Amino acid sequence: MTKKKEYTHLIVMGFWVILSAALQGLALTSFSIPAGIYPSGVIGLSRIVSDIFADFFNIDFSFQLLYVPINVILAVIVYRHIGKLFTIFSLAQTVLASLFASLFGRYIVLNETILIAIFGGLINGLGAGVALMHGASSGGMDFLSVYYSNKYHKSMWNQVFLFNMVMIVVTGFLYGWERAAYSIIYQYMNSYMIKRLHKRYTHQAIFIITKKPQAVIDSILDKVRHGITKVEAKGAFKGEDEMLLYTVVNSFQTEEVVKLALKGDPNAFIETRDTADVYGNYYQKPLE
């Protein structure tokens, strides 16, 4: 990458990180905090601790005082296992999100708590998704999730879900189960938006039946770094010799791979299907 392209890349990443932080700051100040709803992950934990100090001990303890240090600690722990730029820009995102949460006024956009939970969660998830799509994250559990996904090629969903459920139970006991229920809705909408936007750690298997296997293979491998397995096949209707090509790619690459396969053989028959887990020698493009 030339110096000019590198600087441009950094500027673009910076823009998306700032936008991500602004969206999450807005979700906090205009949705989550006014309604007493708790987001998922480290920011939710920080909010709960802050409210416990204020409500039960009459101590003014800003959630930023816990949120930023936890992110720094997590970044230090996983720094060697994830990308340098990813770590730096993710930390910048958390600091900016905290800053925006302090600077933005608490404008009440909606009055119905259910609508606050739905749209607040979507906006928060949009902010996190924007960062993840462009090589960064919103920090917190994302640091651990990216490390886990890079190492095991599958999501850390079950562990994150358990962590969030503990927070929900604490919320229910301390502040009532209705507030906990709204927090669940907020967190669900947040996760829904992230899953819709970020597909780096989801996989799809692609099956290609073709009479021009080498042309298809050359077309795909020219652009995508993934292995392809060849299996000899025979059509049941005409009895013609064909080849079954099989590969697994990240979900965001599926459309590109299908187009490349059809470029090699416009008459190829292609099937794609979701793949839960991948084991063995699978190439995952490293984060920068």
C-alpha atoms as a PDB file:
ATOM      1  CA  MET A   1       0.000   0.000   0.000  1.00  0.00           C
ATOM      2  CA  THR A   2       1.466   3.389  -1.025  1.00  0.00           C
ATOM      3  CA  LYS A   3       1.782   6.205   1.508  1.00  0.00           C
ATOM      4  CA  LYS A   4      -1.043   8.126  -0.135  1.00  0.00           C
ATOM      5  CA  LYS A   5      -3.390   5.147  -0.051  1.00  0.00           C
ATOM      6  CA  GLU A   6      -2.345   4.427   3.528  1.00  0.00           C
ATOM      7  CA  TYR A   7      -3.177   7.974   4.644  1.00  0.00           C
ATOM      8  CA  THR A   8      -6.471   7.867   2.776  1.00  0.00           C
ATOM      9  CA  HIS A   9      -7.298   4.546   4.420  1.00  0.00           C
ATOM     10  CA  LEU A  10      -6.567   5.976   7.869  1.00  0.00           C
ATOM     11  CA  ILE A  11      -8.698   9.063   7.201  1.00  0.00           C
ATOM     12  CA  VAL A  12     -11.611   6.914   6.029  1.00  0.00           C
ATOM     13  CA  MET A  13     -11.300   4.676   9.096  1.00  0.00           C
ATOM     14  CA  GLY A  14     -11.179   7.743  11.310  1.00  0.00           C
ATOM     15  CA  PHE A  15     -14.362   9.131   9.749  1.00  0.00           C
ATOM     16  CA  TRP A  16     -16.311   5.922  10.344  1.00  0.00           C
ATOM     17  CA  VAL A  17     -14.997   5.608  13.899  1.00  0.00           C
ATOM     18  CA  ILE A  18     -16.111   9.169  14.694  1.00  0.00           C
ATOM     19  CA  LEU A  19     -19.539   8.481  13.177  1.00  0.00           C
ATOM     20  CA  SER A  20     -19.777   5.242  15.141  1.00  0.00           C
ATOM     21  CA  ALA A  21     -18.928   6.999  18.402  1.00  0.00           C
ATOM     22  CA  ALA A  22     -21.425   9.801  17.679  1.00  0.00           C
ATOM     23  CA  LEU A  23     -24.224   7.301  17.062  1.00  0.00           C
ATOM     24  CA  GLN A  24     -23.480   5.451  20.276  1.00  0.00           C
ATOM     25  CA  GLY A  25     -23.223   8.715  22.195  1.00  0.00           C
ATOM     26  CA  LEU A  26     -26.658   9.657  20.843  1.00  0.00           C
ATOM     27  CA  ALA A  27     -28.074   6.249  21.780  1.00  0.00           C
ATOM     28  CA  LEU A  28     -26.849   6.777  25.324  1.00  0.00           C
ATOM     29  CA  THR A  29     -27.914  10.367  25.920  1.00  0.00           C
ATOM     30  CA  SER A  30     -31.265  10.373  24.125  1.00  0.00           C
ATOM     31  CA  PHE A  31     -32.432   6.786  24.609  1.00  0.00           C
ATOM     32  CA  SER A  32     -30.600   4.527  27.075  1.00  0.00           C
ATOM     33  CA  ILE A  33     -29.812   6.876  29.979  1.00  0.00           C
ATOM     34  CA  PRO A  34     -33.109   8.842  30.096  1.00  0.00           C
ATOM     35  CA  ALA A  35     -35.136   5.615  30.067  1.00  0.00           C
ATOM     36  CA  GLY A  36     -32.917   3.799  32.561  1.00  0.00           C
ATOM     37  CA  ILE A  37     -32.219   1.059  30.020  1.00  0.00           C
ATOM     38  CA  TYR A  38     -28.920  -0.829  30.084  1.00  0.00           C
ATOM     39  CA  PRO A  39     -26.984  -1.709  26.913  1.00  0.00           C
ATOM     40  CA  SER A  40     -25.075  -4.960  26.590  1.00  0.00           C
ATOM     41  CA  GLY A  41     -21.412  -5.537  27.300  1.00  0.00           C
ATOM     42  CA  VAL A  42     -18.946  -3.371  29.158  1.00  0.00           C
ATOM     43  CA  ILE A  43     -20.871  -0.155  28.669  1.00  0.00           C
ATOM     44  CA  GLY A  44     -23.948  -1.733  30.245  1.00  0.00           C
ATOM     45  CA  LEU A  45     -21.858  -3.009  33.161  1.00  0.00           C
ATOM     46  CA  SER A  46     -20.369   0.465  33.613  1.00  0.00           C
ATOM     47  CA  ARG A  47     -23.839   2.035  33.579  1.00  0.00           C
ATOM     48  CA  ILE A  48     -25.174  -0.372  36.196  1.00  0.00           C
ATOM     49  CA  VAL A  49     -22.220   0.193  38.528  1.00  0.00           C
ATOM     50  CA  SER A  50     -22.591   3.966  38.081  1.00  0.00           C
ATOM     51  CA  ASP A  51     -26.307   3.825  38.944  1.00  0.00           C
ATOM     52  CA  ILE A  52     -25.714   1.573  41.964  1.00  0.00           C
ATOM     53  CA  PHE A  53     -23.226   4.068  43.393  1.00  0.00           C
ATOM     54  CA  ALA A  54     -25.658   6.942  42.791  1.00  0.00           C
ATOM     55  CA  ASP A  55     -28.880   5.241  43.940  1.00  0.00           C
ATOM     56  CA  PHE A  56     -27.676   3.160  46.887  1.00  0.00           C
ATOM     57  CA  PHE A  57     -24.610   5.006  48.179  1.00  0.00           C
ATOM     58  CA  ASN A  58     -25.381   8.579  47.033  1.00  0.00           C
ATOM     59  CA  ILE A  59     -22.003   8.752  45.264  1.00  0.00           C
ATOM     60  CA  ASP A  60     -21.715  10.485  41.903  1.00  0.00           C
ATOM     61  CA  PHE A  61     -19.646   7.995  39.891  1.00  0.00           C
ATOM     62  CA  SER A  62     -19.624   8.588  36.132  1.00  0.00           C
ATOM     63  CA  PHE A  63     -19.820   5.413  34.039  1.00  0.00           C
ATOM     64  CA  GLN A  64     -16.930   6.730  31.908  1.00  0.00           C
ATOM     65  CA  LEU A  65     -14.584   6.272  34.877  1.00  0.00           C
ATOM     66  CA  LEU A  66     -15.113   2.523  34.604  1.00  0.00           C
ATOM     67  CA  TYR A  67     -15.880   2.148  30.902  1.00  0.00           C
ATOM     68  CA  VAL A  68     -12.635   3.593  29.517  1.00  0.00           C
ATOM     69  CA  PRO A  69     -10.208   1.819  31.928  1.00  0.00           C
ATOM     70  CA  ILE A  70     -11.870  -1.578  31.312  1.00  0.00           C
ATOM     71  CA  ASN A  71     -11.470  -1.082  27.570  1.00  0.00           C
ATOM     72  CA  VAL A  72      -7.806  -0.178  27.990  1.00  0.00           C
ATOM     73  CA  ILE A  73      -7.205  -3.309  30.095  1.00  0.00           C
ATOM     74  CA  LEU A  74      -8.961  -5.560  27.565  1.00  0.00           C
ATOM     75  CA  ALA A  75      -7.019  -3.952  24.709  1.00  0.00           C
ATOM     76  CA  VAL A  76      -3.710  -4.625  26.485  1.00  0.00           C
ATOM     77  CA  ILE A  77      -4.697  -8.269  27.098  1.00  0.00           C
ATOM     78  CA  VAL A  78      -5.554  -9.073  23.468  1.00  0.00           C
ATOM     79  CA  TYR A  79      -3.300  -6.559  21.705  1.00  0.00           C
ATOM     80  CA  ARG A  80      -0.810  -9.163  20.440  1.00  0.00           C
ATOM     81  CA  HIS A  81      -3.546 -11.344  18.992  1.00  0.00           C
ATOM     82  CA  ILE A  82      -5.552  -8.779  17.020  1.00  0.00           C
ATOM     83  CA  GLY A  83      -4.609  -6.031  14.583  1.00  0.00           C
ATOM     84  CA  LYS A  84      -2.693  -2.935  15.628  1.00  0.00           C
ATOM     85  CA  LEU A  85      -4.972  -0.510  13.779  1.00  0.00           C
ATOM     86  CA  PHE A  86      -8.031  -2.383  15.000  1.00  0.00           C
ATOM     87  CA  THR A  87      -6.914  -1.938  18.614  1.00  0.00           C
ATOM     88  CA  ILE A  88      -5.964   1.727  18.256  1.00  0.00           C
ATOM     89  CA  PHE A  89      -9.116   2.773  16.428  1.00  0.00           C
ATOM     90  CA  SER A  90     -11.322   0.718  18.759  1.00  0.00           C
ATOM     91  CA  LEU A  91      -9.830   2.466  21.782  1.00  0.00           C
ATOM     92  CA  ALA A  92     -10.322   5.797  20.034  1.00  0.00           C
ATOM     93  CA  GLN A  93     -13.959   4.859  19.445  1.00  0.00           C
ATOM     94  CA  THR A  94     -14.580   4.135  23.127  1.00  0.00           C
ATOM     95  CA  VAL A  95     -12.974   7.392  24.220  1.00  0.00           C
ATOM     96  CA  LEU A  96     -14.947   9.385  21.634  1.00  0.00           C
ATOM     97  CA  ALA A  97     -18.205   7.639  22.558  1.00  0.00           C
ATOM     98  CA  SER A  98     -17.618   8.588  26.203  1.00  0.00           C
ATOM     99  CA  LEU A  99     -16.783  12.150  25.168  1.00  0.00           C
ATOM    100  CA  PHE A 100     -19.896  12.478  23.004  1.00  0.00           C
ATOM    101  CA  ALA A 101     -22.014  11.076  25.850  1.00  0.00           C
ATOM    102  CA  SER A 102     -20.685  13.887  28.054  1.00  0.00           C
ATOM    103  CA  LEU A 103     -21.107  16.628  25.440  1.00  0.00           C
ATOM    104  CA  PHE A 104     -24.493  15.706  23.962  1.00  0.00           C
ATOM    105  CA  GLY A 105     -27.539  17.091  25.748  1.00  0.00           C
ATOM    106  CA  ARG A 106     -30.152  14.615  26.910  1.00  0.00           C
ATOM    107  CA  TYR A 107     -32.793  15.364  24.315  1.00  0.00           C
ATOM    108  CA  ILE A 108     -35.861  13.195  24.784  1.00  0.00           C
ATOM    109  CA  VAL A 109     -36.730  11.997  21.285  1.00  0.00           C
ATOM    110  CA  LEU A 110     -39.450   9.484  22.243  1.00  0.00           C
ATOM    111  CA  ASN A 111     -41.719   9.161  25.266  1.00  0.00           C
ATOM    112  CA  GLU A 112     -42.812   5.522  24.989  1.00  0.00           C
ATOM    113  CA  THR A 113     -40.277   3.257  26.701  1.00  0.00           C
ATOM    114  CA  ILE A 114     -40.871   0.397  24.276  1.00  0.00           C
ATOM    115  CA  LEU A 115     -40.054   2.688  21.338  1.00  0.00           C
ATOM    116  CA  ILE A 116     -36.988   3.985  23.154  1.00  0.00           C
ATOM    117  CA  ALA A 117     -35.795   0.414  23.670  1.00  0.00           C
ATOM    118  CA  ILE A 118     -36.360  -0.521  20.013  1.00  0.00           C
ATOM    119  CA  PHE A 119     -34.920   2.532  18.273  1.00  0.00           C
ATOM    120  CA  GLY A 120     -32.223   3.163  20.872  1.00  0.00           C
ATOM    121  CA  GLY A 121     -30.991  -0.395  20.414  1.00  0.00           C
ATOM    122  CA  LEU A 122     -31.021  -0.047  16.624  1.00  0.00           C
ATOM    123  CA  ILE A 123     -29.040   3.211  16.745  1.00  0.00           C
ATOM    124  CA  ASN A 124     -26.531   1.747  19.197  1.00  0.00           C
ATOM    125  CA  GLY A 125     -26.152  -1.351  17.015  1.00  0.00           C
ATOM    126  CA  LEU A 126     -25.746   0.825  13.936  1.00  0.00           C
ATOM    127  CA  GLY A 127     -22.888   2.624  15.644  1.00  0.00           C
ATOM    128  CA  ALA A 128     -21.173  -0.632  16.614  1.00  0.00           C
ATOM    129  CA  GLY A 129     -21.791  -2.154  13.179  1.00  0.00           C
ATOM    130  CA  VAL A 130     -20.341   0.850  11.354  1.00  0.00           C
ATOM    131  CA  ALA A 131     -17.111   0.513  13.334  1.00  0.00           C
ATOM    132  CA  LEU A 132     -16.880  -3.255  12.773  1.00  0.00           C
ATOM    133  CA  MET A 133     -17.514  -2.928   9.039  1.00  0.00           C
ATOM    134  CA  HIS A 134     -14.561  -0.567   8.660  1.00  0.00           C
ATOM    135  CA  GLY A 135     -11.840  -2.328  10.627  1.00  0.00           C
ATOM    136  CA  ALA A 136     -12.514  -1.131  14.174  1.00  0.00           C
ATOM    137  CA  SER A 137     -15.039  -1.842  16.928  1.00  0.00           C
ATOM    138  CA  SER A 138     -16.859  -0.268  19.843  1.00  0.00           C
ATOM    139  CA  GLY A 139     -14.427  -1.913  22.263  1.00  0.00           C
ATOM    140  CA  GLY A 140     -15.499  -3.792  25.364  1.00  0.00           C
ATOM    141  CA  MET A 141     -16.603  -7.349  24.646  1.00  0.00           C
ATOM    142  CA  ASP A 142     -15.703  -6.793  20.980  1.00  0.00           C
ATOM    143  CA  PHE A 143     -12.027  -7.122  21.920  1.00  0.00           C
ATOM    144  CA  LEU A 144     -12.602 -10.556  23.441  1.00  0.00           C
ATOM    145  CA  SER A 145     -15.049 -11.587  20.701  1.00  0.00           C
ATOM    146  CA  VAL A 146     -12.611 -10.740  17.891  1.00  0.00           C
ATOM    147  CA  TYR A 147      -9.784 -12.584  19.659  1.00  0.00           C
ATOM    148  CA  TYR A 148     -12.014 -15.643  20.176  1.00  0.00           C
ATOM    149  CA  SER A 149     -13.329 -15.551  16.602  1.00  0.00           C
ATOM    150  CA  ASN A 150      -9.854 -15.240  15.100  1.00  0.00           C
ATOM    151  CA  LYS A 151      -8.621 -18.196  17.156  1.00  0.00           C
ATOM    152  CA  TYR A 152     -11.586 -20.555  16.839  1.00  0.00           C
ATOM    153  CA  HIS A 153     -13.357 -19.315  13.657  1.00  0.00           C
ATOM    154  CA  LYS A 154     -16.708 -19.029  15.413  1.00  0.00           C
ATOM    155  CA  SER A 155     -18.593 -16.415  17.378  1.00  0.00           C
ATOM    156  CA  MET A 156     -18.464 -15.896  21.137  1.00  0.00           C
ATOM    157  CA  TRP A 157     -22.236 -15.460  21.227  1.00  0.00           C
ATOM    158  CA  ASN A 158     -22.976 -17.922  24.069  1.00  0.00           C
ATOM    159  CA  GLN A 159     -20.435 -16.367  26.430  1.00  0.00           C
ATOM    160  CA  VAL A 160     -21.559 -12.812  25.646  1.00  0.00           C
ATOM    161  CA  PHE A 161     -25.197 -13.872  26.066  1.00  0.00           C
ATOM    162  CA  LEU A 162     -24.448 -15.319  29.521  1.00  0.00           C
ATOM    163  CA  PHE A 163     -22.620 -12.129  30.550  1.00  0.00           C
ATOM    164  CA  ASN A 164     -25.568  -9.993  29.450  1.00  0.00           C
ATOM    165  CA  MET A 165     -28.089 -12.266  31.173  1.00  0.00           C
ATOM    166  CA  VAL A 166     -26.256 -11.806  34.481  1.00  0.00           C
ATOM    167  CA  MET A 167     -26.593  -8.034  34.039  1.00  0.00           C
ATOM    168  CA  ILE A 168     -30.302  -8.402  33.231  1.00  0.00           C
ATOM    169  CA  VAL A 169     -30.899 -10.459  36.385  1.00  0.00           C
ATOM    170  CA  VAL A 170     -29.055  -7.874  38.502  1.00  0.00           C
ATOM    171  CA  THR A 171     -31.134  -5.127  36.869  1.00  0.00           C
ATOM    172  CA  GLY A 172     -34.342  -7.028  37.631  1.00  0.00           C
ATOM    173  CA  PHE A 173     -33.524  -7.506  41.294  1.00  0.00           C
ATOM    174  CA  LEU A 174     -32.328  -3.936  41.832  1.00  0.00           C
ATOM    175  CA  TYR A 175     -34.635  -1.898  39.594  1.00  0.00           C
ATOM    176  CA  GLY A 176     -37.564  -4.126  38.706  1.00  0.00           C
ATOM    177  CA  TRP A 177     -38.247  -6.690  36.022  1.00  0.00           C
ATOM    178  CA  GLU A 178     -40.013  -4.248  33.716  1.00  0.00           C
ATOM    179  CA  ARG A 179     -36.819  -2.230  33.412  1.00  0.00           C
ATOM    180  CA  ALA A 180     -34.906  -5.464  32.848  1.00  0.00           C
ATOM    181  CA  ALA A 181     -37.350  -6.451  30.086  1.00  0.00           C
ATOM    182  CA  TYR A 182     -36.845  -3.145  28.279  1.00  0.00           C
ATOM    183  CA  SER A 183     -33.083  -3.661  28.557  1.00  0.00           C
ATOM    184  CA  ILE A 184     -33.481  -7.077  26.908  1.00  0.00           C
ATOM    185  CA  ILE A 185     -35.365  -5.474  24.009  1.00  0.00           C
ATOM    186  CA  TYR A 186     -32.685  -2.771  23.683  1.00  0.00           C
ATOM    187  CA  GLN A 187     -29.910  -5.374  23.656  1.00  0.00           C
ATOM    188  CA  TYR A 188     -31.749  -7.603  21.187  1.00  0.00           C
ATOM    189  CA  MET A 189     -32.240  -4.774  18.696  1.00  0.00           C
ATOM    190  CA  ASN A 190     -28.585  -3.814  19.146  1.00  0.00           C
ATOM    191  CA  SER A 191     -27.467  -7.386  18.352  1.00  0.00           C
ATOM    192  CA  TYR A 192     -29.890  -7.630  15.431  1.00  0.00           C
ATOM    193  CA  MET A 193     -28.433  -4.528  13.778  1.00  0.00           C
ATOM    194  CA  ILE A 194     -24.843  -5.663  14.308  1.00  0.00           C
ATOM    195  CA  LYS A 195     -25.567  -9.084  12.798  1.00  0.00           C
ATOM    196  CA  ARG A 196     -27.182  -7.466   9.771  1.00  0.00           C
ATOM    197  CA  LEU A 197     -24.158  -5.255   9.145  1.00  0.00           C
ATOM    198  CA  HIS A 198     -21.159  -7.288  10.249  1.00  0.00           C
ATOM    199  CA  LYS A 199     -20.530 -10.705   8.690  1.00  0.00           C
ATOM    200  CA  ARG A 200     -16.801 -11.158   9.100  1.00  0.00           C
ATOM    201  CA  TYR A 201     -17.177 -14.133  11.433  1.00  0.00           C
ATOM    202  CA  THR A 202     -20.128 -15.873   9.804  1.00  0.00           C
ATOM    203  CA  HIS A 203     -19.466 -18.405   7.059  1.00  0.00           C
ATOM    204  CA  GLN A 204     -21.173 -19.914   4.061  1.00  0.00           C
ATOM    205  CA  ALA A 205     -20.417 -23.087   2.163  1.00  0.00           C
ATOM    206  CA  ILE A 206     -20.582 -22.807  -1.650  1.00  0.00           C
ATOM    207  CA  PHE A 207     -21.246 -25.798  -3.903  1.00  0.00           C
ATOM    208  CA  ILE A 208     -20.558 -25.353  -7.617  1.00  0.00           C
ATOM    209  CA  ILE A 209     -21.409 -27.964 -10.251  1.00  0.00           C
ATOM    210  CA  THR A 210     -19.615 -27.189 -13.490  1.00  0.00           C
ATOM    211  CA  LYS A 211     -18.202 -28.634 -16.690  1.00  0.00           C
ATOM    212  CA  LYS A 212     -15.441 -26.009 -16.688  1.00  0.00           C
ATOM    213  CA  PRO A 213     -13.836 -26.546 -13.265  1.00  0.00           C
ATOM    214  CA  GLN A 214     -10.434 -25.052 -14.022  1.00  0.00           C
ATOM    215  CA  ALA A 215     -11.911 -21.848 -15.446  1.00  0.00           C
ATOM    216  CA  VAL A 216     -14.069 -21.452 -12.325  1.00  0.00           C
ATOM    217  CA  ILE A 217     -11.177 -22.221  -9.973  1.00  0.00           C
ATOM    218  CA  ASP A 218      -8.838 -19.778 -11.720  1.00  0.00           C
ATOM    219  CA  SER A 219     -11.500 -17.061 -11.646  1.00  0.00           C
ATOM    220  CA  ILE A 220     -12.121 -17.465  -7.905  1.00  0.00           C
ATOM    221  CA  LEU A 221      -8.535 -17.903  -6.736  1.00  0.00           C
ATOM    222  CA  ASP A 222      -7.465 -14.848  -8.699  1.00  0.00           C
ATOM    223  CA  LYS A 223      -9.470 -12.679  -6.265  1.00  0.00           C
ATOM    224  CA  VAL A 224     -10.200 -14.737  -3.143  1.00  0.00           C
ATOM    225  CA  ARG A 225      -7.727 -16.594  -0.937  1.00  0.00           C
ATOM    226  CA  HIS A 226      -9.678 -19.722   0.027  1.00  0.00           C
ATOM    227  CA  GLY A 227      -9.114 -23.389  -0.775  1.00  0.00           C
ATOM    228  CA  ILE A 228     -11.398 -25.258  -3.180  1.00  0.00           C
ATOM    229  CA  THR A 229     -12.058 -28.993  -3.142  1.00  0.00           C
ATOM    230  CA  LYS A 230     -12.799 -30.872  -6.405  1.00  0.00           C
ATOM    231  CA  VAL A 231     -15.074 -33.910  -6.480  1.00  0.00           C
ATOM    232  CA  GLU A 232     -15.825 -35.825  -9.668  1.00  0.00           C
ATOM    233  CA  ALA A 233     -19.566 -36.024 -10.360  1.00  0.00           C
ATOM    234  CA  LYS A 234     -21.976 -37.312 -12.995  1.00  0.00           C
ATOM    235  CA  GLY A 235     -25.309 -35.794 -13.959  1.00  0.00           C
ATOM    236  CA  ALA A 236     -28.221 -38.175 -13.222  1.00  0.00           C
ATOM    237  CA  PHE A 237     -30.414 -37.000 -16.129  1.00  0.00           C
ATOM    238  CA  LYS A 238     -27.947 -36.981 -19.040  1.00  0.00           C
ATOM    239  CA  GLY A 239     -25.150 -38.967 -17.454  1.00  0.00           C
ATOM    240  CA  GLU A 240     -22.598 -36.296 -18.359  1.00  0.00           C
ATOM    241  CA  ASP A 241     -19.312 -35.949 -16.463  1.00  0.00           C
ATOM    242  CA  GLU A 242     -19.156 -32.855 -14.269  1.00  0.00           C
ATOM    243  CA  MET A 243     -17.144 -31.556 -11.336  1.00  0.00           C
ATOM    244  CA  LEU A 244     -18.394 -30.523  -7.893  1.00  0.00           C
ATOM    245  CA  LEU A 245     -16.371 -27.660  -6.401  1.00  0.00           C
ATOM    246  CA  TYR A 246     -16.689 -26.951  -2.685  1.00  0.00           C
ATOM    247  CA  THR A 247     -15.400 -24.014  -0.655  1.00  0.00           C
ATOM    248  CA  VAL A 248     -16.201 -22.102   2.548  1.00  0.00           C
ATOM    249  CA  VAL A 249     -15.960 -18.314   2.656  1.00  0.00           C
ATOM    250  CA  ASN A 250     -16.926 -15.466   4.945  1.00  0.00           C
ATOM    251  CA  SER A 251     -20.555 -14.491   4.376  1.00  0.00           C
ATOM    252  CA  PHE A 252     -19.659 -11.043   3.047  1.00  0.00           C
ATOM    253  CA  GLN A 253     -17.587 -12.741   0.305  1.00  0.00           C
ATOM    254  CA  THR A 254     -20.382 -15.016  -0.938  1.00  0.00           C
ATOM    255  CA  GLU A 255     -21.771 -12.649  -3.559  1.00  0.00           C
ATOM    256  CA  GLU A 256     -18.296 -11.953  -4.937  1.00  0.00           C
ATOM    257  CA  VAL A 257     -17.399 -15.668  -5.144  1.00  0.00           C
ATOM    258  CA  VAL A 258     -20.670 -16.521  -6.898  1.00  0.00           C
ATOM    259  CA  LYS A 259     -20.044 -13.807  -9.490  1.00  0.00           C
ATOM    260  CA  LEU A 260     -16.492 -15.042 -10.040  1.00  0.00           C
ATOM    261  CA  ALA A 261     -17.721 -18.628 -10.469  1.00  0.00           C
ATOM    262  CA  LEU A 262     -20.298 -17.550 -13.054  1.00  0.00           C
ATOM    263  CA  LYS A 263     -17.610 -15.559 -14.819  1.00  0.00           C
ATOM    264  CA  GLY A 264     -15.617 -18.780 -15.206  1.00  0.00           C
ATOM    265  CA  ASP A 265     -18.701 -20.775 -16.240  1.00  0.00           C
ATOM    266  CA  PRO A 266     -21.979 -18.911 -16.889  1.00  0.00           C
ATOM    267  CA  ASN A 267     -23.817 -22.253 -16.946  1.00  0.00           C
ATOM    268  CA  ALA A 268     -22.592 -23.424 -13.545  1.00  0.00           C
ATOM    269  CA  PHE A 269     -25.135 -24.577 -10.947  1.00  0.00           C
ATOM    270  CA  ILE A 270     -24.407 -22.968  -7.568  1.00  0.00           C
ATOM    271  CA  GLU A 271     -25.807 -23.540  -4.083  1.00  0.00           C
ATOM    272  CA  THR A 272     -24.907 -21.608  -0.921  1.00  0.00           C
ATOM    273  CA  ARG A 273     -25.756 -22.521   2.647  1.00  0.00           C
ATOM    274  CA  ASP A 274     -24.989 -21.189   6.110  1.00  0.00           C
ATOM    275  CA  THR A 275     -22.168 -22.890   8.021  1.00  0.00           C
ATOM    276  CA  ALA A 276     -22.260 -22.865  11.821  1.00  0.00           C
ATOM    277  CA  ASP A 277     -18.628 -23.653  12.659  1.00  0.00           C
ATOM    278  CA  VAL A 278     -15.369 -24.094  10.767  1.00  0.00           C
ATOM    279  CA  TYR A 279     -12.467 -26.229  12.043  1.00  0.00           C
ATOM    280  CA  GLY A 280      -9.032 -26.926  10.647  1.00  0.00           C
ATOM    281  CA  ASN A 281      -6.959 -24.906   8.219  1.00  0.00           C
ATOM    282  CA  TYR A 282      -9.238 -21.999   7.282  1.00  0.00           C
ATOM    283  CA  TYR A 283      -7.770 -18.726   6.063  1.00  0.00           C
ATOM    284  CA  GLN A 284      -9.126 -15.669   7.843  1.00  0.00           C
ATOM    285  CA  LYS A 285      -7.798 -12.373   6.556  1.00  0.00           C
ATOM    286  CA  PRO A 286      -6.151 -10.759   9.583  1.00  0.00           C
ATOM    287  CA  LEU A 287      -7.261  -7.418  10.935  1.00  0.00           C
ATOM    288  CA  GLU A 288      -4.859  -4.565  10.333  1.00  0.00           C
END
